[in-house]
Amino acid sequence: MVTQKSASKSPGKPITIVVADDHPVFRFGIMNILKGIEHLSVVGEAENGPDAIEKIVQNKPDIAVIDVEMPGKNGLEVCQELIQLGISTKLIIFTMYKEEELFNKAMDIGVFGYLLKETAMSELTECIHTISKEEKYVSKNIENYLSNRKSKFISNEFMNQLTTTEKKILQLIADQKTSKEIAGKLFVSEKTVENHRYNITKKLALENGNSSLLKFAIENRMIING
């Protein structure tokens, strides 16, 4: 367990959190961890879905940790309603279930974090720290679910955004061809290939340029060449 670790936010202004879980032991355990972290402030707790919505709307916390199974409204229903209300609180689903379908439903709704109860006590600090930087967090035991979602995105949406030339270049990148080799195969200049690589990278929202694109292409080679 990690305690007394600072979370990211402007100095002097704590990150506010609401915890919603119908099991008192889990709820108090999470709250105790959070109270031991510098620059965090627990501003509310709830033991059912309607109460969670009320507390979050009332307190407008930066982050809310919400159990999937609660009476009144389940965690996914709570998250969906809050997002529809336009609440800016970053939502973390807290669950014992590893089902990929449930994970995908939560991601589709727009939650920022997905924590498994079995590892939540050790991962909670990192999760809060990551989400406070506007980044999503998923328990390490199910990180592969994110890769699966990305692969689905590539096949169903991303590939349709590419031009014919971009698709061919991505296939050659997946085959680990250099820009010079690609230029030779397509009878274009190396500069043209680099421009296409840049455009593909932007469409994929990759941050580290050619190195990220190469890694991405290799990992998804079967889909890209399919």
C-alpha atoms as a PDB file:
ATOM      1  CA  MET A   1       0.000   0.000   0.000  1.00  0.00           C
ATOM      2  CA  VAL A   2       1.307   3.431  -0.907  1.00  0.00           C
ATOM      3  CA  THR A   3       0.497   6.354   1.345  1.00  0.00           C
ATOM      4  CA  GLN A   4       1.499   9.956   1.787  1.00  0.00           C
ATOM      5  CA  LYS A   5       2.077  10.378  -1.915  1.00  0.00           C
ATOM      6  CA  SER A   6       1.231  13.650  -3.578  1.00  0.00           C
ATOM      7  CA  ALA A   7      -1.294  13.671  -6.422  1.00  0.00           C
ATOM      8  CA  SER A   8      -1.035  16.021  -9.376  1.00  0.00           C
ATOM      9  CA  LYS A   9      -2.902  19.287  -9.173  1.00  0.00           C
ATOM     10  CA  SER A  10      -2.163  22.942  -8.601  1.00  0.00           C
ATOM     11  CA  PRO A  11      -0.369  23.553  -5.263  1.00  0.00           C
ATOM     12  CA  GLY A  12      -2.660  24.340  -2.365  1.00  0.00           C
ATOM     13  CA  LYS A  13      -5.803  23.026  -4.030  1.00  0.00           C
ATOM     14  CA  PRO A  14      -6.650  19.439  -3.095  1.00  0.00           C
ATOM     15  CA  ILE A  15      -8.166  16.899  -5.457  1.00  0.00           C
ATOM     16  CA  THR A  16     -11.719  16.284  -4.222  1.00  0.00           C
ATOM     17  CA  ILE A  17     -13.197  12.785  -4.273  1.00  0.00           C
ATOM     18  CA  VAL A  18     -16.526  11.045  -3.634  1.00  0.00           C
ATOM     19  CA  VAL A  19     -16.578   7.297  -2.883  1.00  0.00           C
ATOM     20  CA  ALA A  20     -19.689   5.208  -3.661  1.00  0.00           C
ATOM     21  CA  ASP A  21     -19.907   1.570  -2.571  1.00  0.00           C
ATOM     22  CA  ASP A  22     -22.675  -0.282  -0.762  1.00  0.00           C
ATOM     23  CA  HIS A  23     -20.180  -2.473   1.139  1.00  0.00           C
ATOM     24  CA  PRO A  24     -19.007  -0.515   4.212  1.00  0.00           C
ATOM     25  CA  VAL A  25     -15.728  -2.429   4.512  1.00  0.00           C
ATOM     26  CA  PHE A  26     -14.656  -1.622   0.962  1.00  0.00           C
ATOM     27  CA  ARG A  27     -15.934   1.938   1.169  1.00  0.00           C
ATOM     28  CA  PHE A  28     -14.131   2.711   4.415  1.00  0.00           C
ATOM     29  CA  GLY A  29     -10.987   0.983   3.165  1.00  0.00           C
ATOM     30  CA  ILE A  30     -10.874   3.160   0.041  1.00  0.00           C
ATOM     31  CA  MET A  31     -11.640   6.290   2.035  1.00  0.00           C
ATOM     32  CA  ASN A  32      -8.885   5.546   4.550  1.00  0.00           C
ATOM     33  CA  ILE A  33      -6.335   5.148   1.759  1.00  0.00           C
ATOM     34  CA  LEU A  34      -7.422   8.386   0.142  1.00  0.00           C
ATOM     35  CA  LYS A  35      -7.344  10.299   3.407  1.00  0.00           C
ATOM     36  CA  GLY A  36      -3.723   9.244   3.846  1.00  0.00           C
ATOM     37  CA  ILE A  37      -2.628  10.780   0.524  1.00  0.00           C
ATOM     38  CA  GLU A  38      -1.405  14.340   0.526  1.00  0.00           C
ATOM     39  CA  HIS A  39      -3.443  16.861  -1.498  1.00  0.00           C
ATOM     40  CA  LEU A  40      -6.542  14.633  -1.625  1.00  0.00           C
ATOM     41  CA  SER A  41      -9.831  15.442   0.093  1.00  0.00           C
ATOM     42  CA  VAL A  42     -12.774  13.025   0.427  1.00  0.00           C
ATOM     43  CA  VAL A  43     -15.837  15.267   0.260  1.00  0.00           C
ATOM     44  CA  GLY A  44     -18.586  12.653   0.212  1.00  0.00           C
ATOM     45  CA  GLU A  45     -19.570   9.003   0.383  1.00  0.00           C
ATOM     46  CA  ALA A  46     -22.595   7.037  -0.814  1.00  0.00           C
ATOM     47  CA  GLU A  47     -23.969   3.541  -0.329  1.00  0.00           C
ATOM     48  CA  ASN A  48     -26.409   3.365  -3.260  1.00  0.00           C
ATOM     49  CA  GLY A  49     -26.809   4.643  -6.809  1.00  0.00           C
ATOM     50  CA  PRO A  50     -29.250   7.533  -6.286  1.00  0.00           C
ATOM     51  CA  ASP A  51     -27.263   8.750  -3.284  1.00  0.00           C
ATOM     52  CA  ALA A  52     -24.063   8.621  -5.353  1.00  0.00           C
ATOM     53  CA  ILE A  53     -25.604  10.803  -8.049  1.00  0.00           C
ATOM     54  CA  GLU A  54     -26.872  13.270  -5.450  1.00  0.00           C
ATOM     55  CA  LYS A  55     -23.506  13.514  -3.663  1.00  0.00           C
ATOM     56  CA  ILE A  56     -21.553  13.940  -6.891  1.00  0.00           C
ATOM     57  CA  VAL A  57     -23.936  16.563  -8.308  1.00  0.00           C
ATOM     58  CA  GLN A  58     -23.933  18.396  -4.980  1.00  0.00           C
ATOM     59  CA  ASN A  59     -20.179  18.334  -4.297  1.00  0.00           C
ATOM     60  CA  LYS A  60     -18.900  18.384  -7.906  1.00  0.00           C
ATOM     61  CA  PRO A  61     -15.742  16.441  -6.977  1.00  0.00           C
ATOM     62  CA  ASP A  62     -12.758  16.151  -9.293  1.00  0.00           C
ATOM     63  CA  ILE A  63     -12.941  12.344  -9.134  1.00  0.00           C
ATOM     64  CA  ALA A  64     -15.551   9.756  -8.071  1.00  0.00           C
ATOM     65  CA  VAL A  65     -14.852   6.101  -7.268  1.00  0.00           C
ATOM     66  CA  ILE A  66     -18.046   4.138  -8.018  1.00  0.00           C
ATOM     67  CA  ASP A  67     -18.792   0.474  -7.358  1.00  0.00           C
ATOM     68  CA  VAL A  68     -20.517  -1.419 -10.177  1.00  0.00           C
ATOM     69  CA  GLU A  69     -23.020  -3.233  -7.955  1.00  0.00           C
ATOM     70  CA  MET A  70     -25.147  -0.882  -5.866  1.00  0.00           C
ATOM     71  CA  PRO A  71     -28.849  -0.828  -4.982  1.00  0.00           C
ATOM     72  CA  GLY A  72     -31.134   1.693  -6.645  1.00  0.00           C
ATOM     73  CA  LYS A  73     -28.903   2.227  -9.675  1.00  0.00           C
ATOM     74  CA  ASN A  74     -25.803   0.234 -10.583  1.00  0.00           C
ATOM     75  CA  GLY A  75     -22.441   1.906 -11.171  1.00  0.00           C
ATOM     76  CA  LEU A  76     -22.757   2.008 -14.951  1.00  0.00           C
ATOM     77  CA  GLU A  77     -26.195   3.627 -14.712  1.00  0.00           C
ATOM     78  CA  VAL A  78     -24.801   6.173 -12.272  1.00  0.00           C
ATOM     79  CA  CYS A  79     -21.910   7.015 -14.585  1.00  0.00           C
ATOM     80  CA  GLN A  80     -24.159   7.265 -17.626  1.00  0.00           C
ATOM     81  CA  GLU A  81     -26.568   9.620 -15.872  1.00  0.00           C
ATOM     82  CA  LEU A  82     -23.762  11.829 -14.564  1.00  0.00           C
ATOM     83  CA  ILE A  83     -22.207  12.129 -18.013  1.00  0.00           C
ATOM     84  CA  GLN A  84     -25.591  12.941 -19.532  1.00  0.00           C
ATOM     85  CA  LEU A  85     -25.977  15.673 -16.897  1.00  0.00           C
ATOM     86  CA  GLY A  86     -22.691  17.169 -18.076  1.00  0.00           C
ATOM     87  CA  ILE A  87     -20.883  16.623 -14.775  1.00  0.00           C
ATOM     88  CA  SER A  88     -17.134  17.133 -15.276  1.00  0.00           C
ATOM     89  CA  THR A  89     -16.157  14.688 -12.502  1.00  0.00           C
ATOM     90  CA  LYS A  90     -13.762  11.988 -13.719  1.00  0.00           C
ATOM     91  CA  LEU A  91     -15.377   8.630 -12.998  1.00  0.00           C
ATOM     92  CA  ILE A  92     -13.641   5.459 -11.828  1.00  0.00           C
ATOM     93  CA  ILE A  93     -15.492   2.135 -11.919  1.00  0.00           C
ATOM     94  CA  PHE A  94     -14.612  -0.111  -8.989  1.00  0.00           C
ATOM     95  CA  THR A  95     -15.486  -3.805  -9.408  1.00  0.00           C
ATOM     96  CA  MET A  96     -14.614  -7.427  -8.696  1.00  0.00           C
ATOM     97  CA  TYR A  97     -15.647  -8.470 -12.210  1.00  0.00           C
ATOM     98  CA  LYS A  98     -13.114  -9.029 -14.992  1.00  0.00           C
ATOM     99  CA  GLU A  99     -15.623  -9.575 -17.806  1.00  0.00           C
ATOM    100  CA  GLU A 100     -14.453  -7.789 -20.950  1.00  0.00           C
ATOM    101  CA  GLU A 101     -18.032  -6.974 -21.929  1.00  0.00           C
ATOM    102  CA  LEU A 102     -18.555  -5.038 -18.698  1.00  0.00           C
ATOM    103  CA  PHE A 103     -15.243  -3.257 -19.196  1.00  0.00           C
ATOM    104  CA  ASN A 104     -16.225  -2.231 -22.723  1.00  0.00           C
ATOM    105  CA  LYS A 105     -19.586  -0.936 -21.539  1.00  0.00           C
ATOM    106  CA  ALA A 106     -17.827   1.242 -18.967  1.00  0.00           C
ATOM    107  CA  MET A 107     -15.352   2.564 -21.538  1.00  0.00           C
ATOM    108  CA  ASP A 108     -18.149   3.242 -24.027  1.00  0.00           C
ATOM    109  CA  ILE A 109     -19.970   5.310 -21.400  1.00  0.00           C
ATOM    110  CA  GLY A 110     -16.841   7.405 -20.899  1.00  0.00           C
ATOM    111  CA  VAL A 111     -15.323   6.478 -17.531  1.00  0.00           C
ATOM    112  CA  PHE A 112     -11.741   7.536 -16.871  1.00  0.00           C
ATOM    113  CA  GLY A 113     -10.687   4.576 -14.747  1.00  0.00           C
ATOM    114  CA  TYR A 114     -11.476   0.886 -14.269  1.00  0.00           C
ATOM    115  CA  LEU A 115     -10.182  -0.649 -11.030  1.00  0.00           C
ATOM    116  CA  LEU A 116     -10.461  -4.277  -9.943  1.00  0.00           C
ATOM    117  CA  LYS A 117     -11.202  -4.709  -6.245  1.00  0.00           C
ATOM    118  CA  GLU A 118      -8.560  -7.415  -5.955  1.00  0.00           C
ATOM    119  CA  THR A 119      -5.799  -4.901  -6.740  1.00  0.00           C
ATOM    120  CA  ALA A 120      -7.497  -1.599  -5.922  1.00  0.00           C
ATOM    121  CA  MET A 121      -5.716  -1.096  -2.613  1.00  0.00           C
ATOM    122  CA  SER A 122      -2.304  -1.214  -4.304  1.00  0.00           C
ATOM    123  CA  GLU A 123      -3.308   0.588  -7.511  1.00  0.00           C
ATOM    124  CA  LEU A 124      -5.589   3.320  -6.199  1.00  0.00           C
ATOM    125  CA  THR A 125      -2.869   5.927  -5.651  1.00  0.00           C
ATOM    126  CA  GLU A 126      -1.456   5.408  -9.146  1.00  0.00           C
ATOM    127  CA  CYS A 127      -4.960   5.510 -10.607  1.00  0.00           C
ATOM    128  CA  ILE A 128      -5.764   8.848  -8.939  1.00  0.00           C
ATOM    129  CA  HIS A 129      -2.388  10.275  -9.942  1.00  0.00           C
ATOM    130  CA  THR A 130      -2.845   9.197 -13.568  1.00  0.00           C
ATOM    131  CA  ILE A 131      -6.417  10.436 -13.898  1.00  0.00           C
ATOM    132  CA  SER A 132      -5.549  13.796 -12.361  1.00  0.00           C
ATOM    133  CA  LYS A 133      -3.238  14.275 -15.381  1.00  0.00           C
ATOM    134  CA  GLU A 134      -6.169  13.777 -17.788  1.00  0.00           C
ATOM    135  CA  GLU A 135      -5.084  10.217 -18.630  1.00  0.00           C
ATOM    136  CA  LYS A 136      -7.134   7.029 -18.366  1.00  0.00           C
ATOM    137  CA  TYR A 137      -6.197   4.179 -16.021  1.00  0.00           C
ATOM    138  CA  VAL A 138      -7.047   0.467 -16.166  1.00  0.00           C
ATOM    139  CA  SER A 139      -6.033  -2.186 -13.642  1.00  0.00           C
ATOM    140  CA  LYS A 140      -2.860  -3.915 -14.797  1.00  0.00           C
ATOM    141  CA  ASN A 141      -4.504  -7.356 -14.761  1.00  0.00           C
ATOM    142  CA  ILE A 142      -6.833  -6.353 -17.606  1.00  0.00           C
ATOM    143  CA  GLU A 143      -4.702  -3.893 -19.587  1.00  0.00           C
ATOM    144  CA  ASN A 144      -4.995  -6.200 -22.597  1.00  0.00           C
ATOM    145  CA  TYR A 145      -8.656  -5.184 -22.849  1.00  0.00           C
ATOM    146  CA  LEU A 146      -7.479  -1.746 -23.978  1.00  0.00           C
ATOM    147  CA  SER A 147      -5.412  -3.331 -26.754  1.00  0.00           C
ATOM    148  CA  ASN A 148      -8.441  -5.319 -27.823  1.00  0.00           C
ATOM    149  CA  ARG A 149     -10.509  -2.132 -27.995  1.00  0.00           C
ATOM    150  CA  LYS A 150      -7.831  -0.411 -30.057  1.00  0.00           C
ATOM    151  CA  SER A 151      -7.735  -3.334 -32.486  1.00  0.00           C
ATOM    152  CA  LYS A 152     -11.506  -3.149 -32.872  1.00  0.00           C
ATOM    153  CA  PHE A 153     -11.238   0.588 -33.458  1.00  0.00           C
ATOM    154  CA  ILE A 154      -8.629   0.053 -36.149  1.00  0.00           C
ATOM    155  CA  SER A 155     -10.641  -2.519 -38.053  1.00  0.00           C
ATOM    156  CA  ASN A 156     -14.023  -0.821 -37.790  1.00  0.00           C
ATOM    157  CA  GLU A 157     -13.242   2.886 -37.839  1.00  0.00           C
ATOM    158  CA  PHE A 158      -9.641   3.864 -38.278  1.00  0.00           C
ATOM    159  CA  MET A 159      -8.911   1.933 -41.481  1.00  0.00           C
ATOM    160  CA  ASN A 160     -11.880   3.614 -43.151  1.00  0.00           C
ATOM    161  CA  GLN A 161     -10.253   7.008 -42.534  1.00  0.00           C
ATOM    162  CA  LEU A 162      -7.093   6.148 -44.435  1.00  0.00           C
ATOM    163  CA  THR A 163      -6.517   6.833 -48.092  1.00  0.00           C
ATOM    164  CA  THR A 164      -5.533   3.940 -50.357  1.00  0.00           C
ATOM    165  CA  THR A 165      -1.902   5.087 -50.290  1.00  0.00           C
ATOM    166  CA  GLU A 166      -1.893   5.435 -46.493  1.00  0.00           C
ATOM    167  CA  LYS A 167      -3.251   1.906 -46.111  1.00  0.00           C
ATOM    168  CA  LYS A 168      -0.500   0.527 -48.358  1.00  0.00           C
ATOM    169  CA  ILE A 169       2.178   2.443 -46.476  1.00  0.00           C
ATOM    170  CA  LEU A 170       0.835   1.207 -43.123  1.00  0.00           C
ATOM    171  CA  GLN A 171       0.968  -2.375 -44.428  1.00  0.00           C
ATOM    172  CA  LEU A 172       4.613  -1.878 -45.440  1.00  0.00           C
ATOM    173  CA  ILE A 173       5.422  -0.332 -42.062  1.00  0.00           C
ATOM    174  CA  ALA A 174       3.854  -3.404 -40.436  1.00  0.00           C
ATOM    175  CA  ASP A 175       6.271  -5.469 -42.562  1.00  0.00           C
ATOM    176  CA  GLN A 176       9.062  -3.362 -40.993  1.00  0.00           C
ATOM    177  CA  LYS A 177      10.028  -1.600 -44.218  1.00  0.00           C
ATOM    178  CA  THR A 178      11.940   1.679 -43.911  1.00  0.00           C
ATOM    179  CA  SER A 179      10.733   4.910 -45.513  1.00  0.00           C
ATOM    180  CA  LYS A 180      13.417   4.504 -48.180  1.00  0.00           C
ATOM    181  CA  GLU A 181      12.270   0.963 -48.969  1.00  0.00           C
ATOM    182  CA  ILE A 182       8.625   2.054 -49.052  1.00  0.00           C
ATOM    183  CA  ALA A 183       9.470   4.933 -51.394  1.00  0.00           C
ATOM    184  CA  GLY A 184      11.177   2.496 -53.766  1.00  0.00           C
ATOM    185  CA  LYS A 185       8.231   0.102 -53.786  1.00  0.00           C
ATOM    186  CA  LEU A 186       5.651   2.841 -54.397  1.00  0.00           C
ATOM    187  CA  PHE A 187       7.801   4.900 -56.793  1.00  0.00           C
ATOM    188  CA  VAL A 188       7.469   8.065 -54.711  1.00  0.00           C
ATOM    189  CA  SER A 189       9.981  10.233 -52.870  1.00  0.00           C
ATOM    190  CA  GLU A 190      11.087   9.421 -49.333  1.00  0.00           C
ATOM    191  CA  LYS A 191       9.743  12.837 -48.296  1.00  0.00           C
ATOM    192  CA  THR A 192       6.280  11.838 -49.574  1.00  0.00           C
ATOM    193  CA  VAL A 193       6.409   8.667 -47.491  1.00  0.00           C
ATOM    194  CA  GLU A 194       7.392  10.680 -44.403  1.00  0.00           C
ATOM    195  CA  ASN A 195       4.436  13.005 -44.984  1.00  0.00           C
ATOM    196  CA  HIS A 196       2.082  10.027 -45.180  1.00  0.00           C
ATOM    197  CA  ARG A 197       3.580   8.551 -42.014  1.00  0.00           C
ATOM    198  CA  TYR A 198       2.992  11.859 -40.253  1.00  0.00           C
ATOM    199  CA  ASN A 199      -0.650  11.923 -41.358  1.00  0.00           C
ATOM    200  CA  ILE A 200      -1.237   8.324 -40.254  1.00  0.00           C
ATOM    201  CA  THR A 201       0.333   9.049 -36.885  1.00  0.00           C
ATOM    202  CA  LYS A 202      -1.963  12.038 -36.398  1.00  0.00           C
ATOM    203  CA  LYS A 203      -5.053  10.015 -37.310  1.00  0.00           C
ATOM    204  CA  LEU A 204      -3.999   7.395 -34.764  1.00  0.00           C
ATOM    205  CA  ALA A 205      -3.298  10.070 -32.135  1.00  0.00           C
ATOM    206  CA  LEU A 206       0.122   8.544 -31.450  1.00  0.00           C
ATOM    207  CA  GLU A 207       2.419  10.811 -29.461  1.00  0.00           C
ATOM    208  CA  ASN A 208       5.936   9.592 -30.214  1.00  0.00           C
ATOM    209  CA  GLY A 209       6.042   9.777 -33.998  1.00  0.00           C
ATOM    210  CA  ASN A 210       7.658   7.061 -36.115  1.00  0.00           C
ATOM    211  CA  SER A 211       8.707   4.839 -33.208  1.00  0.00           C
ATOM    212  CA  SER A 212       5.124   4.628 -31.917  1.00  0.00           C
ATOM    213  CA  LEU A 213       3.781   4.065 -35.434  1.00  0.00           C
ATOM    214  CA  LEU A 214       6.178   1.169 -36.043  1.00  0.00           C
ATOM    215  CA  LYS A 215       5.279  -0.469 -32.728  1.00  0.00           C
ATOM    216  CA  PHE A 216       1.582   0.035 -33.407  1.00  0.00           C
ATOM    217  CA  ALA A 217       1.813  -1.402 -36.934  1.00  0.00           C
ATOM    218  CA  ILE A 218       3.750  -4.489 -35.823  1.00  0.00           C
ATOM    219  CA  GLU A 219       1.328  -5.201 -32.942  1.00  0.00           C
ATOM    220  CA  ASN A 220      -1.675  -4.926 -35.278  1.00  0.00           C
ATOM    221  CA  ARG A 221      -0.103  -6.471 -38.384  1.00  0.00           C
ATOM    222  CA  MET A 222      -2.761  -9.162 -38.841  1.00  0.00           C
ATOM    223  CA  ILE A 223      -5.578  -6.615 -38.805  1.00  0.00           C
ATOM    224  CA  ILE A 224      -3.735  -4.134 -41.034  1.00  0.00           C
ATOM    225  CA  ASN A 225      -2.875  -6.771 -43.624  1.00  0.00           C
ATOM    226  CA  GLY A 226      -6.290  -8.389 -43.383  1.00  0.00           C
END
